[in-house]
Amino acid sequence: MARSSKPVNPGSASALDRMKYEIAGELGIADRVRSQGWATMTSADCGRVGGQMVRRMIEQYESGLSGTTTQATSGTLTAQYDANKQP
């Protein structure tokens, strides 16, 4: 069976985009992404961004399990605007 490209939670797409641009800024490639777009980025740059995104999502999940926040994720825009956050 083919995998669907639709996100499981449609509201998470904007949060993931914010995280992607935030990490690109931290890696120093945000200006290039904004001016040229993601299609022109090298696979190495995209891999760095994707790897950091996965690392942050794992940290956020683990801190949610333990009920604590970590220094790296507590101040990020993604943590503040998490689409999955329950009121």
PDB file of N, CA and C in Angstrom:
ATOM      1  N   MET A   1       0.840  -1.176   0.000  1.00  0.00           N
ATOM      2  CA  MET A   1       0.000   0.000   0.000  1.00  0.00           C
ATOM      3  C   MET A   1       0.889   1.244   0.000  1.00  0.00           C
ATOM      4  N   ALA A   2       0.544   2.219  -0.817  1.00  0.00           N
ATOM      5  CA  ALA A   2       1.330   3.440  -0.934  1.00  0.00           C
ATOM      6  C   ALA A   2       1.120   4.338   0.283  1.00  0.00           C
ATOM      7  N   ARG A   3       2.166   5.057   0.644  1.00  0.00           N
ATOM      8  CA  ARG A   3       2.070   5.991   1.759  1.00  0.00           C
ATOM      9  C   ARG A   3       1.413   7.270   1.293  1.00  0.00           C
ATOM     10  N   SER A   4       0.616   7.843   2.134  1.00  0.00           N
ATOM     11  CA  SER A   4      -0.049   9.097   1.825  1.00  0.00           C
ATOM     12  C   SER A   4       0.871  10.254   2.149  1.00  0.00           C
ATOM     13  N   SER A   5       0.821  11.311   1.339  1.00  0.00           N
ATOM     14  CA  SER A   5       1.643  12.485   1.621  1.00  0.00           C
ATOM     15  C   SER A   5       0.909  13.481   2.505  1.00  0.00           C
ATOM     16  N   LYS A   6      -0.351  13.163   2.840  1.00  0.00           N
ATOM     17  CA  LYS A   6      -1.104  14.040   3.725  1.00  0.00           C
ATOM     18  C   LYS A   6      -0.634  13.853   5.159  1.00  0.00           C
ATOM     19  N   PRO A   7      -0.454  14.950   5.902  1.00  0.00           N
ATOM     20  CA  PRO A   7      -0.043  14.801   7.302  1.00  0.00           C
ATOM     21  C   PRO A   7      -1.157  14.184   8.143  1.00  0.00           C
ATOM     22  N   VAL A   8      -0.755  13.463   9.164  1.00  0.00           N
ATOM     23  CA  VAL A   8      -1.720  12.856  10.079  1.00  0.00           C
ATOM     24  C   VAL A   8      -2.530  13.949  10.769  1.00  0.00           C
ATOM     25  N   ASN A   9      -1.853  15.007  11.170  1.00  0.00           N
ATOM     26  CA  ASN A   9      -2.503  16.151  11.795  1.00  0.00           C
ATOM     27  C   ASN A   9      -2.303  17.362  10.880  1.00  0.00           C
ATOM     28  N   PRO A  10      -3.310  17.767  10.115  1.00  0.00           N
ATOM     29  CA  PRO A  10      -3.134  18.878   9.169  1.00  0.00           C
ATOM     30  C   PRO A  10      -2.686  20.181   9.821  1.00  0.00           C
ATOM     31  N   GLY A  11      -3.013  20.397  11.066  1.00  0.00           N
ATOM     32  CA  GLY A  11      -2.607  21.607  11.765  1.00  0.00           C
ATOM     33  C   GLY A  11      -1.118  21.654  12.065  1.00  0.00           C
ATOM     34  N   SER A  12      -0.449  20.524  11.965  1.00  0.00           N
ATOM     35  CA  SER A  12       0.973  20.482  12.287  1.00  0.00           C
ATOM     36  C   SER A  12       1.848  21.005  11.149  1.00  0.00           C
ATOM     37  N   ALA A  13       1.318  21.125   9.952  1.00  0.00           N
ATOM     38  CA  ALA A  13       2.122  21.554   8.805  1.00  0.00           C
ATOM     39  C   ALA A  13       2.729  22.942   9.029  1.00  0.00           C
ATOM     40  N   SER A  14       1.960  23.879   9.534  1.00  0.00           N
ATOM     41  CA  SER A  14       2.497  25.224   9.746  1.00  0.00           C
ATOM     42  C   SER A  14       3.525  25.234  10.877  1.00  0.00           C
ATOM     43  N   ALA A  15       3.319  24.426  11.907  1.00  0.00           N
ATOM     44  CA  ALA A  15       4.287  24.352  13.002  1.00  0.00           C
ATOM     45  C   ALA A  15       5.596  23.749  12.507  1.00  0.00           C
ATOM     46  N   LEU A  16       5.511  22.746  11.642  1.00  0.00           N
ATOM     47  CA  LEU A  16       6.721  22.143  11.098  1.00  0.00           C
ATOM     48  C   LEU A  16       7.457  23.107  10.173  1.00  0.00           C
ATOM     49  N   ASP A  17       6.714  23.900   9.412  1.00  0.00           N
ATOM     50  CA  ASP A  17       7.348  24.913   8.562  1.00  0.00           C
ATOM     51  C   ASP A  17       8.067  25.954   9.403  1.00  0.00           C
ATOM     52  N   ARG A  18       7.439  26.386  10.485  1.00  0.00           N
ATOM     53  CA  ARG A  18       8.098  27.355  11.376  1.00  0.00           C
ATOM     54  C   ARG A  18       9.374  26.769  11.958  1.00  0.00           C
ATOM     55  N   MET A  19       9.310  25.509  12.363  1.00  0.00           N
ATOM     56  CA  MET A  19      10.485  24.849  12.908  1.00  0.00           C
ATOM     57  C   MET A  19      11.580  24.763  11.849  1.00  0.00           C
ATOM     58  N   LYS A  20      11.196  24.441  10.619  1.00  0.00           N
ATOM     59  CA  LYS A  20      12.164  24.312   9.541  1.00  0.00           C
ATOM     60  C   LYS A  20      12.910  25.625   9.309  1.00  0.00           C
ATOM     61  N   TYR A  21      12.179  26.732   9.252  1.00  0.00           N
ATOM     62  CA  TYR A  21      12.817  28.032   9.031  1.00  0.00           C
ATOM     63  C   TYR A  21      13.626  28.472  10.249  1.00  0.00           C
ATOM     64  N   GLU A  22      13.157  28.145  11.432  1.00  0.00           N
ATOM     65  CA  GLU A  22      13.889  28.482  12.645  1.00  0.00           C
ATOM     66  C   GLU A  22      15.241  27.771  12.672  1.00  0.00           C
ATOM     67  N   ILE A  23      15.243  26.493  12.347  1.00  0.00           N
ATOM     68  CA  ILE A  23      16.484  25.728  12.334  1.00  0.00           C
ATOM     69  C   ILE A  23      17.390  26.204  11.203  1.00  0.00           C
ATOM     70  N   ALA A  24      16.807  26.521  10.050  1.00  0.00           N
ATOM     71  CA  ALA A  24      17.617  27.055   8.945  1.00  0.00           C
ATOM     72  C   ALA A  24      18.312  28.337   9.384  1.00  0.00           C
ATOM     73  N   GLY A  25      17.627  29.165  10.155  1.00  0.00           N
ATOM     74  CA  GLY A  25      18.238  30.383  10.678  1.00  0.00           C
ATOM     75  C   GLY A  25      19.381  30.086  11.626  1.00  0.00           C
ATOM     76  N   GLU A  26      19.206  29.095  12.476  1.00  0.00           N
ATOM     77  CA  GLU A  26      20.252  28.714  13.417  1.00  0.00           C
ATOM     78  C   GLU A  26      21.479  28.160  12.691  1.00  0.00           C
ATOM     79  N   LEU A  27      21.254  27.518  11.548  1.00  0.00           N
ATOM     80  CA  LEU A  27      22.351  26.950  10.772  1.00  0.00           C
ATOM     81  C   LEU A  27      22.967  27.963   9.814  1.00  0.00           C
ATOM     82  N   GLY A  28      22.365  29.157   9.737  1.00  0.00           N
ATOM     83  CA  GLY A  28      22.913  30.214   8.903  1.00  0.00           C
ATOM     84  C   GLY A  28      22.539  30.138   7.435  1.00  0.00           C
ATOM     85  N   ILE A  29      21.483  29.409   7.098  1.00  0.00           N
ATOM     86  CA  ILE A  29      21.085  29.296   5.694  1.00  0.00           C
ATOM     87  C   ILE A  29      19.708  29.883   5.415  1.00  0.00           C
ATOM     88  N   ALA A  30      19.118  30.539   6.395  1.00  0.00           N
ATOM     89  CA  ALA A  30      17.751  31.052   6.241  1.00  0.00           C
ATOM     90  C   ALA A  30      17.646  32.103   5.136  1.00  0.00           C
ATOM     91  N   ASP A  31      18.629  32.994   5.033  1.00  0.00           N
ATOM     92  CA  ASP A  31      18.571  34.024   3.999  1.00  0.00           C
ATOM     93  C   ASP A  31      18.594  33.404   2.607  1.00  0.00           C
ATOM     94  N   ARG A  32      19.431  32.390   2.437  1.00  0.00           N
ATOM     95  CA  ARG A  32      19.504  31.715   1.141  1.00  0.00           C
ATOM     96  C   ARG A  32      18.199  30.983   0.834  1.00  0.00           C
ATOM     97  N   VAL A  33      17.603  30.371   1.850  1.00  0.00           N
ATOM     98  CA  VAL A  33      16.330  29.664   1.651  1.00  0.00           C
ATOM     99  C   VAL A  33      15.241  30.655   1.260  1.00  0.00           C
ATOM    100  N   ARG A  34      15.188  31.797   1.938  1.00  0.00           N
ATOM    101  CA  ARG A  34      14.154  32.789   1.630  1.00  0.00           C
ATOM    102  C   ARG A  34      14.325  33.379   0.239  1.00  0.00           C
ATOM    103  N   SER A  35      15.565  33.606  -0.184  1.00  0.00           N
ATOM    104  CA  SER A  35      15.784  34.236  -1.487  1.00  0.00           C
ATOM    105  C   SER A  35      15.721  33.240  -2.645  1.00  0.00           C
ATOM    106  N   GLN A  36      16.176  31.996  -2.423  1.00  0.00           N
ATOM    107  CA  GLN A  36      16.251  31.031  -3.513  1.00  0.00           C
ATOM    108  C   GLN A  36      15.258  29.882  -3.398  1.00  0.00           C
ATOM    109  N   GLY A  37      14.752  29.628  -2.213  1.00  0.00           N
ATOM    110  CA  GLY A  37      13.795  28.544  -2.010  1.00  0.00           C
ATOM    111  C   GLY A  37      14.477  27.237  -1.630  1.00  0.00           C
ATOM    112  N   TRP A  38      13.684  26.308  -1.122  1.00  0.00           N
ATOM    113  CA  TRP A  38      14.208  25.020  -0.675  1.00  0.00           C
ATOM    114  C   TRP A  38      14.703  24.173  -1.834  1.00  0.00           C
ATOM    115  N   ALA A  39      14.133  24.333  -3.015  1.00  0.00           N
ATOM    116  CA  ALA A  39      14.500  23.501  -4.163  1.00  0.00           C
ATOM    117  C   ALA A  39      15.956  23.689  -4.575  1.00  0.00           C
ATOM    118  N   THR A  40      16.541  24.834  -4.254  1.00  0.00           N
ATOM    119  CA  THR A  40      17.920  25.095  -4.649  1.00  0.00           C
ATOM    120  C   THR A  40      18.930  24.716  -3.568  1.00  0.00           C
ATOM    121  N   MET A  41      18.461  24.291  -2.416  1.00  0.00           N
ATOM    122  CA  MET A  41      19.367  23.917  -1.330  1.00  0.00           C
ATOM    123  C   MET A  41      20.018  22.566  -1.637  1.00  0.00           C
ATOM    124  N   THR A  42      21.232  22.384  -1.138  1.00  0.00           N
ATOM    125  CA  THR A  42      21.900  21.094  -1.326  1.00  0.00           C
ATOM    126  C   THR A  42      21.231  20.041  -0.448  1.00  0.00           C
ATOM    127  N   SER A  43      21.429  18.795  -0.830  1.00  0.00           N
ATOM    128  CA  SER A  43      20.858  17.719  -0.010  1.00  0.00           C
ATOM    129  C   SER A  43      21.501  17.696   1.376  1.00  0.00           C
ATOM    130  N   ALA A  44      22.754  18.116   1.465  1.00  0.00           N
ATOM    131  CA  ALA A  44      23.426  18.168   2.772  1.00  0.00           C
ATOM    132  C   ALA A  44      22.765  19.203   3.673  1.00  0.00           C
ATOM    133  N   ASP A  45      22.449  20.383   3.130  1.00  0.00           N
ATOM    134  CA  ASP A  45      21.776  21.413   3.926  1.00  0.00           C
ATOM    135  C   ASP A  45      20.396  20.951   4.358  1.00  0.00           C
ATOM    136  N   CYS A  46      19.649  20.362   3.431  1.00  0.00           N
ATOM    137  CA  CYS A  46      18.309  19.863   3.777  1.00  0.00           C
ATOM    138  C   CYS A  46      18.398  18.757   4.818  1.00  0.00           C
ATOM    139  N   GLY A  47      19.412  17.914   4.698  1.00  0.00           N
ATOM    140  CA  GLY A  47      19.612  16.845   5.669  1.00  0.00           C
ATOM    141  C   GLY A  47      19.939  17.379   7.051  1.00  0.00           C
ATOM    142  N   ARG A  48      20.734  18.452   7.108  1.00  0.00           N
ATOM    143  CA  ARG A  48      21.048  19.065   8.405  1.00  0.00           C
ATOM    144  C   ARG A  48      19.788  19.617   9.059  1.00  0.00           C
ATOM    145  N   VAL A  49      18.974  20.295   8.264  1.00  0.00           N
ATOM    146  CA  VAL A  49      17.727  20.860   8.792  1.00  0.00           C
ATOM    147  C   VAL A  49      16.808  19.737   9.258  1.00  0.00           C
ATOM    148  N   GLY A  50      16.625  18.723   8.418  1.00  0.00           N
ATOM    149  CA  GLY A  50      15.757  17.605   8.772  1.00  0.00           C
ATOM    150  C   GLY A  50      16.247  16.856  10.000  1.00  0.00           C
ATOM    151  N   GLY A  51      17.556  16.670  10.102  1.00  0.00           N
ATOM    152  CA  GLY A  51      18.122  15.980  11.265  1.00  0.00           C
ATOM    153  C   GLY A  51      17.885  16.744  12.551  1.00  0.00           C
ATOM    154  N   GLN A  52      18.041  18.068  12.485  1.00  0.00           N
ATOM    155  CA  GLN A  52      17.783  18.892  13.676  1.00  0.00           C
ATOM    156  C   GLN A  52      16.294  18.885  14.029  1.00  0.00           C
ATOM    157  N   MET A  53      15.434  18.854  13.010  1.00  0.00           N
ATOM    158  CA  MET A  53      13.992  18.802  13.279  1.00  0.00           C
ATOM    159  C   MET A  53      13.644  17.518  14.026  1.00  0.00           C
ATOM    160  N   VAL A  54      14.183  16.407  13.552  1.00  0.00           N
ATOM    161  CA  VAL A  54      13.914  15.118  14.216  1.00  0.00           C
ATOM    162  C   VAL A  54      14.448  15.146  15.638  1.00  0.00           C
ATOM    163  N   ARG A  55      15.653  15.672  15.825  1.00  0.00           N
ATOM    164  CA  ARG A  55      16.242  15.748  17.166  1.00  0.00           C
ATOM    165  C   ARG A  55      15.345  16.546  18.105  1.00  0.00           C
ATOM    166  N   ARG A  56      14.841  17.693  17.625  1.00  0.00           N
ATOM    167  CA  ARG A  56      13.962  18.526  18.476  1.00  0.00           C
ATOM    168  C   ARG A  56      12.647  17.837  18.774  1.00  0.00           C
ATOM    169  N   MET A  57      12.067  17.174  17.764  1.00  0.00           N
ATOM    170  CA  MET A  57      10.784  16.494  17.999  1.00  0.00           C
ATOM    171  C   MET A  57      10.951  15.376  19.017  1.00  0.00           C
ATOM    172  N   ILE A  58      12.070  14.659  18.950  1.00  0.00           N
ATOM    173  CA  ILE A  58      12.331  13.606  19.938  1.00  0.00           C
ATOM    174  C   ILE A  58      12.499  14.218  21.324  1.00  0.00           C
ATOM    175  N   GLU A  59      13.249  15.321  21.422  1.00  0.00           N
ATOM    176  CA  GLU A  59      13.425  15.986  22.716  1.00  0.00           C
ATOM    177  C   GLU A  59      12.093  16.450  23.278  1.00  0.00           C
ATOM    178  N   GLN A  60      11.249  17.021  22.421  1.00  0.00           N
ATOM    179  CA  GLN A  60       9.943  17.501  22.878  1.00  0.00           C
ATOM    180  C   GLN A  60       9.076  16.344  23.355  1.00  0.00           C
ATOM    181  N   TYR A  61       9.101  15.249  22.621  1.00  0.00           N
ATOM    182  CA  TYR A  61       8.307  14.094  23.014  1.00  0.00           C
ATOM    183  C   TYR A  61       8.798  13.528  24.340  1.00  0.00           C
ATOM    184  N   GLU A  62      10.117  13.361  24.456  1.00  0.00           N
ATOM    185  CA  GLU A  62      10.667  12.804  25.690  1.00  0.00           C
ATOM    186  C   GLU A  62      10.425  13.715  26.888  1.00  0.00           C
ATOM    187  N   SER A  63      10.525  15.030  26.675  1.00  0.00           N
ATOM    188  CA  SER A  63      10.273  15.935  27.794  1.00  0.00           C
ATOM    189  C   SER A  63       8.792  15.920  28.165  1.00  0.00           C
ATOM    190  N   GLY A  64       7.922  15.681  27.206  1.00  0.00           N
ATOM    191  CA  GLY A  64       6.495  15.547  27.494  1.00  0.00           C
ATOM    192  C   GLY A  64       6.204  14.302  28.307  1.00  0.00           C
ATOM    193  N   LEU A  65       6.944  13.244  28.030  1.00  0.00           N
ATOM    194  CA  LEU A  65       6.761  12.002  28.789  1.00  0.00           C
ATOM    195  C   LEU A  65       7.202  12.165  30.229  1.00  0.00           C
ATOM    196  N   SER A  66       8.302  12.876  30.417  1.00  0.00           N
ATOM    197  CA  SER A  66       8.833  13.019  31.766  1.00  0.00           C
ATOM    198  C   SER A  66       8.240  14.211  32.512  1.00  0.00           C
ATOM    199  N   GLY A  67       7.544  15.082  31.783  1.00  0.00           N
ATOM    200  CA  GLY A  67       6.930  16.240  32.418  1.00  0.00           C
ATOM    201  C   GLY A  67       7.890  17.381  32.648  1.00  0.00           C
ATOM    202  N   THR A  68       9.050  17.323  32.025  1.00  0.00           N
ATOM    203  CA  THR A  68      10.037  18.398  32.161  1.00  0.00           C
ATOM    204  C   THR A  68      10.275  19.036  30.801  1.00  0.00           C
ATOM    205  N   THR A  69      10.886  20.204  30.819  1.00  0.00           N
ATOM    206  CA  THR A  69      11.262  20.854  29.568  1.00  0.00           C
ATOM    207  C   THR A  69      12.768  20.911  29.506  1.00  0.00           C
ATOM    208  N   THR A  70      13.288  20.857  28.288  1.00  0.00           N
ATOM    209  CA  THR A  70      14.732  20.949  28.115  1.00  0.00           C
ATOM    210  C   THR A  70      15.089  22.345  27.662  1.00  0.00           C
ATOM    211  N   GLN A  71      16.307  22.731  27.887  1.00  0.00           N
ATOM    212  CA  GLN A  71      16.793  24.061  27.520  1.00  0.00           C
ATOM    213  C   GLN A  71      16.646  24.292  26.023  1.00  0.00           C
ATOM    214  N   ALA A  72      16.945  23.285  25.205  1.00  0.00           N
ATOM    215  CA  ALA A  72      16.974  23.455  23.753  1.00  0.00           C
ATOM    216  C   ALA A  72      15.591  23.683  23.165  1.00  0.00           C
ATOM    217  N   THR A  73      14.546  23.114  23.752  1.00  0.00           N
ATOM    218  CA  THR A  73      13.234  23.208  23.123  1.00  0.00           C
ATOM    219  C   THR A  73      12.283  24.178  23.803  1.00  0.00           C
ATOM    220  N   SER A  74      12.542  24.562  25.029  1.00  0.00           N
ATOM    221  CA  SER A  74      11.562  25.361  25.759  1.00  0.00           C
ATOM    222  C   SER A  74      11.389  26.759  25.187  1.00  0.00           C
ATOM    223  N   GLY A  75      12.409  27.311  24.530  1.00  0.00           N
ATOM    224  CA  GLY A  75      12.318  28.669  24.033  1.00  0.00           C
ATOM    225  C   GLY A  75      12.095  28.770  22.539  1.00  0.00           C
ATOM    226  N   THR A  76      11.880  27.664  21.860  1.00  0.00           N
ATOM    227  CA  THR A  76      11.734  27.717  20.414  1.00  0.00           C
ATOM    228  C   THR A  76      10.334  28.168  20.030  1.00  0.00           C
ATOM    229  N   LEU A  77      10.231  28.727  18.847  1.00  0.00           N
ATOM    230  CA  LEU A  77       8.922  29.123  18.335  1.00  0.00           C
ATOM    231  C   LEU A  77       8.016  27.914  18.189  1.00  0.00           C
ATOM    232  N   THR A  78       8.588  26.794  17.797  1.00  0.00           N
ATOM    233  CA  THR A  78       7.794  25.596  17.604  1.00  0.00           C
ATOM    234  C   THR A  78       7.154  25.148  18.906  1.00  0.00           C
ATOM    235  N   ALA A  79       7.909  25.207  19.990  1.00  0.00           N
ATOM    236  CA  ALA A  79       7.359  24.809  21.278  1.00  0.00           C
ATOM    237  C   ALA A  79       6.246  25.754  21.704  1.00  0.00           C
ATOM    238  N   GLN A  80       6.370  27.032  21.361  1.00  0.00           N
ATOM    239  CA  GLN A  80       5.365  28.010  21.741  1.00  0.00           C
ATOM    240  C   GLN A  80       4.095  27.881  20.917  1.00  0.00           C
ATOM    241  N   TYR A  81       4.207  27.459  19.667  1.00  0.00           N
ATOM    242  CA  TYR A  81       3.071  27.381  18.765  1.00  0.00           C
ATOM    243  C   TYR A  81       2.764  25.969  18.343  1.00  0.00           C
ATOM    244  N   ASP A  82       3.013  25.020  19.216  1.00  0.00           N
ATOM    245  CA  ASP A  82       2.799  23.620  18.896  1.00  0.00           C
ATOM    246  C   ASP A  82       1.335  23.366  18.576  1.00  0.00           C
ATOM    247  N   ALA A  83       1.059  22.860  17.380  1.00  0.00           N
ATOM    248  CA  ALA A  83      -0.308  22.623  16.936  1.00  0.00           C
ATOM    249  C   ALA A  83      -0.963  21.481  17.709  1.00  0.00           C
ATOM    250  N   ASN A  84      -0.160  20.602  18.288  1.00  0.00           N
ATOM    251  CA  ASN A  84      -0.699  19.457  19.010  1.00  0.00           C
ATOM    252  C   ASN A  84      -0.894  19.712  20.497  1.00  0.00           C
ATOM    253  N   LYS A  85      -0.521  20.900  20.961  1.00  0.00           N
ATOM    254  CA  LYS A  85      -0.604  21.207  22.393  1.00  0.00           C
ATOM    255  C   LYS A  85      -2.071  21.234  22.841  1.00  0.00           C
ATOM    256  N   GLN A  86      -2.331  20.525  23.907  1.00  0.00           N
ATOM    257  CA  GLN A  86      -3.677  20.476  24.458  1.00  0.00           C
ATOM    258  C   GLN A  86      -3.864  21.629  25.453  1.00  0.00           C
ATOM    259  N   PRO A  87      -5.015  22.327  25.416  1.00  0.00           N
ATOM    260  CA  PRO A  87      -5.232  23.443  26.347  1.00  0.00           C
ATOM    261  C   PRO A  87      -5.360  22.991  27.792  1.00  0.00           C
TER     262      PRO A  87
END
